[in-house]
C-alpha atoms as a PDB file:
ATOM      1  CA  UNK A   1      -2.626 -28.928   0.670  1.00  0.00           C
ATOM      2  CA  UNK A   2      -4.124 -26.519   3.190  1.00  0.00           C
ATOM      3  CA  UNK A   3      -0.808 -24.707   3.729  1.00  0.00           C
ATOM      4  CA  UNK A   4      -0.518 -24.084  -0.017  1.00  0.00           C
ATOM      5  CA  UNK A   5      -3.900 -22.368  -0.065  1.00  0.00           C
ATOM      6  CA  UNK A   6      -2.913 -20.200   2.917  1.00  0.00           C
ATOM      7  CA  UNK A   7       0.350 -19.212   1.227  1.00  0.00           C
ATOM      8  CA  UNK A   8      -1.523 -18.414  -1.990  1.00  0.00           C
ATOM      9  CA  UNK A   9      -4.015 -16.304  -0.063  1.00  0.00           C
ATOM     10  CA  UNK A  10      -1.231 -14.341   1.656  1.00  0.00           C
ATOM     11  CA  UNK A  11       0.513 -13.757  -1.682  1.00  0.00           C
ATOM     12  CA  UNK A  12      -2.746 -12.639  -3.289  1.00  0.00           C
ATOM     13  CA  UNK A  13      -3.544 -10.229  -0.475  1.00  0.00           C
ATOM     14  CA  UNK A  14      -0.022  -8.829  -0.739  1.00  0.00           C
ATOM     15  CA  UNK A  15      -0.600  -8.078  -4.430  1.00  0.00           C
ATOM     16  CA  UNK A  16      -3.962  -6.452  -3.640  1.00  0.00           C
ATOM     17  CA  UNK A  17      -2.339  -4.276  -0.958  1.00  0.00           C
ATOM     18  CA  UNK A  18       0.395  -3.147  -3.348  1.00  0.00           C
ATOM     19  CA  UNK A  19      -2.187  -2.364  -6.033  1.00  0.00           C
ATOM     20  CA  UNK A  20      -4.271  -0.348  -3.584  1.00  0.00           C
ATOM     21  CA  UNK A  21      -1.216   1.614  -2.435  1.00  0.00           C
ATOM     22  CA  UNK A  22      -0.251   2.514  -5.974  1.00  0.00           C
ATOM     23  CA  UNK A  23      -3.786   3.138  -7.251  1.00  0.00           C
ATOM     24  CA  UNK A  24      -5.055   5.208  -4.337  1.00  0.00           C
ATOM     25  CA  UNK A  25      -1.860   7.271  -4.241  1.00  0.00           C
ATOM     26  CA  UNK A  26      -2.207   8.209  -7.889  1.00  0.00           C
ATOM     27  CA  UNK A  27      -5.925   8.903  -7.487  1.00  0.00           C
ATOM     28  CA  UNK A  28      -5.312  11.142  -4.472  1.00  0.00           C
ATOM     29  CA  UNK A  29      -2.565  13.010  -6.290  1.00  0.00           C
ATOM     30  CA  UNK A  30      -4.782  13.613  -9.309  1.00  0.00           C
ATOM     31  CA  UNK A  31      -7.568  14.975  -7.119  1.00  0.00           C
ATOM     32  CA  UNK A  32      -5.071  17.098  -5.168  1.00  0.00           C
ATOM     33  CA  UNK A  33      -3.583  18.622  -8.307  1.00  0.00           C
ATOM     34  CA  UNK A  34      -7.047  19.351  -9.668  1.00  0.00           C
ATOM     35  CA  UNK A  35      -8.122  21.167  -6.513  1.00  0.00           C
ATOM     36  CA  UNK A  36      -4.778  22.964  -6.290  1.00  0.00           C
ATOM     37  CA  UNK A  37      -4.935  24.183  -9.885  1.00  0.00           C
ATOM     38  CA  UNK A  38      -8.555  25.274  -9.532  1.00  0.00           C
ATOM     39  CA  UNK A  39      -7.834  27.283  -6.390  1.00  0.00           C
ATOM     40  CA  UNK A  40      -4.795  28.859  -8.033  1.00  0.00           C
ATOM     41  CA  UNK A  41      -6.817  30.041 -11.020  1.00  0.00           C
ATOM     42  CA  UNK A  42      -9.527  31.295  -8.672  1.00  0.00           C
ATOM     43  CA  UNK A  43      -6.976  33.212  -6.584  1.00  0.00           C
ATOM     44  CA  UNK A  44      -5.327  34.803  -9.640  1.00  0.00           C
ATOM     45  CA  UNK A  45      -8.744  35.794 -10.998  1.00  0.00           C
ATOM     46  CA  UNK A  46      -9.564  37.564  -7.735  1.00  0.00           C
ATOM     47  CA  UNK A  47      -6.201  39.284  -7.256  1.00  0.00           C
ATOM     48  CA  UNK A  48      -4.029  39.263 -10.386  1.00  0.00           C
ATOM     49  CA  UNK A  49      -1.286  41.291  -8.688  1.00  0.00           C
ATOM     50  CA  UNK A  50      -0.535  38.330  -6.367  1.00  0.00           C
ATOM     51  CA  UNK A  51       0.011  35.834  -9.191  1.00  0.00           C
ATOM     52  CA  UNK A  52       3.768  35.552  -8.579  1.00  0.00           C
ATOM     53  CA  UNK A  53       3.335  34.850  -4.862  1.00  0.00           C
ATOM     54  CA  UNK A  54       0.532  32.395  -5.499  1.00  0.00           C
ATOM     55  CA  UNK A  55       2.557  30.592  -8.158  1.00  0.00           C
ATOM     56  CA  UNK A  56       5.422  29.996  -5.721  1.00  0.00           C
ATOM     57  CA  UNK A  57       2.996  28.579  -3.153  1.00  0.00           C
ATOM     58  CA  UNK A  58       1.358  26.390  -5.782  1.00  0.00           C
ATOM     59  CA  UNK A  59       4.730  24.888  -6.682  1.00  0.00           C
ATOM     60  CA  UNK A  60       5.521  24.216  -3.013  1.00  0.00           C
ATOM     61  CA  UNK A  61       2.167  22.517  -2.471  1.00  0.00           C
ATOM     62  CA  UNK A  62       2.529  20.582  -5.733  1.00  0.00           C
ATOM     63  CA  UNK A  63       5.865  19.232  -4.521  1.00  0.00           C
ATOM     64  CA  UNK A  64       4.310  18.126  -1.229  1.00  0.00           C
ATOM     65  CA  UNK A  65       1.347  16.463  -2.953  1.00  0.00           C
ATOM     66  CA  UNK A  66       3.673  14.729  -5.392  1.00  0.00           C
ATOM     67  CA  UNK A  67       6.001  13.592  -2.597  1.00  0.00           C
ATOM     68  CA  UNK A  68       3.079  11.797  -0.941  1.00  0.00           C
ATOM     69  CA  UNK A  69       2.345   9.956  -4.166  1.00  0.00           C
ATOM     70  CA  UNK A  70       5.972   9.000  -4.746  1.00  0.00           C
ATOM     71  CA  UNK A  71       6.338   7.653  -1.206  1.00  0.00           C
ATOM     72  CA  UNK A  72       3.163   5.580  -1.540  1.00  0.00           C
ATOM     73  CA  UNK A  73       4.121   4.241  -4.956  1.00  0.00           C
ATOM     74  CA  UNK A  74       7.609   3.266  -3.745  1.00  0.00           C
ATOM     75  CA  UNK A  75       6.091   1.516  -0.724  1.00  0.00           C
ATOM     76  CA  UNK A  76       3.740  -0.386  -3.022  1.00  0.00           C
ATOM     77  CA  UNK A  77       6.555  -1.410  -5.349  1.00  0.00           C
ATOM     78  CA  UNK A  78       8.714  -2.536  -2.430  1.00  0.00           C
ATOM     79  CA  UNK A  79       5.814  -4.579  -1.088  1.00  0.00           C
ATOM     80  CA  UNK A  80       5.189  -6.091  -4.524  1.00  0.00           C
ATOM     81  CA  UNK A  81       8.757  -6.950  -5.565  1.00  0.00           C
ATOM     82  CA  UNK A  82      10.414  -7.996  -2.301  1.00  0.00           C
ATOM     83  CA  UNK A  83      10.247 -11.331  -0.536  1.00  0.00           C
ATOM     84  CA  UNK A  84       7.040 -11.763   1.373  1.00  0.00           C
ATOM     85  CA  UNK A  85       7.659 -10.865   4.995  1.00  0.00           C
ATOM     86  CA  UNK A  86       4.133 -12.033   5.894  1.00  0.00           C
ATOM     87  CA  UNK A  87       4.877 -15.667   5.042  1.00  0.00           C
ATOM     88  CA  UNK A  88       7.221 -16.147   8.033  1.00  0.00           C
ATOM     89  CA  UNK A  89       4.450 -16.157  10.654  1.00  0.00           C
ATOM     90  CA  UNK A  90       2.259 -18.329   8.404  1.00  0.00           C
ATOM     91  CA  UNK A  91       4.991 -20.927   7.956  1.00  0.00           C
ATOM     92  CA  UNK A  92       5.808 -20.861  11.684  1.00  0.00           C
ATOM     93  CA  UNK A  93       2.148 -21.413  12.551  1.00  0.00           C
ATOM     94  CA  UNK A  94       1.949 -24.234  10.013  1.00  0.00           C
ATOM     95  CA  UNK A  95       5.033 -25.968  11.421  1.00  0.00           C
ATOM     96  CA  UNK A  96       3.680 -25.638  14.967  1.00  0.00           C
ATOM     97  CA  UNK A  97       0.308 -27.055  13.950  1.00  0.00           C
ATOM     98  CA  UNK A  98       1.948 -30.086  12.338  1.00  0.00           C
ATOM     99  CA  UNK A  99       4.105 -30.742  15.403  1.00  0.00           C
ATOM    100  CA  UNK A 100       1.104 -30.387  17.717  1.00  0.00           C
ATOM    101  CA  UNK A 101      -1.164 -32.590  15.629  1.00  0.00           C
ATOM    102  CA  UNK A 102       1.444 -35.333  15.081  1.00  0.00           C
ATOM    103  CA  UNK A 103       1.754 -36.443  18.750  1.00  0.00           C
ATOM    104  CA  UNK A 104      -2.009 -36.280  19.156  1.00  0.00           C
ATOM    105  CA  UNK A 105      -2.391 -38.730  16.281  1.00  0.00           C
ATOM    106  CA  UNK A 106       0.127 -41.153  17.794  1.00  0.00           C
ATOM    107  CA  UNK A 107      -1.825 -41.407  21.065  1.00  0.00           C
ATOM    108  CA  UNK A 108      -4.828 -42.990  19.373  1.00  0.00           C
ATOM    109  CA  UNK A 109      -5.510 -46.542  20.564  1.00  0.00           C
ATOM    110  CA  UNK A 110      -5.806 -49.119  17.828  1.00  0.00           C
ATOM    111  CA  UNK A 111      -8.453 -51.476  19.316  1.00  0.00           C
END
């Protein structure tokens, strides 16, 4: 029964990691777009003649900020929907512990 709880814990932590990847990526992107838009408006207010140049740079930076979010979200979805690659070492350790503990139990003297 102990191995089932370890497997459940690994699966639960995998879901938490995927949720953190997706949630923090979207939070960071929202903050980034807010700062980017605020600085753009501030720059246009200071020098209106540079609005075209600033707009091009805003779009480039928006693409980079959005690319970070997309990469993080895809990584989170891959982690969430694929087979659990973290269970292999857990199952190997469990099989080794059962093979190690089985001979130790057979050496007990029955007096």
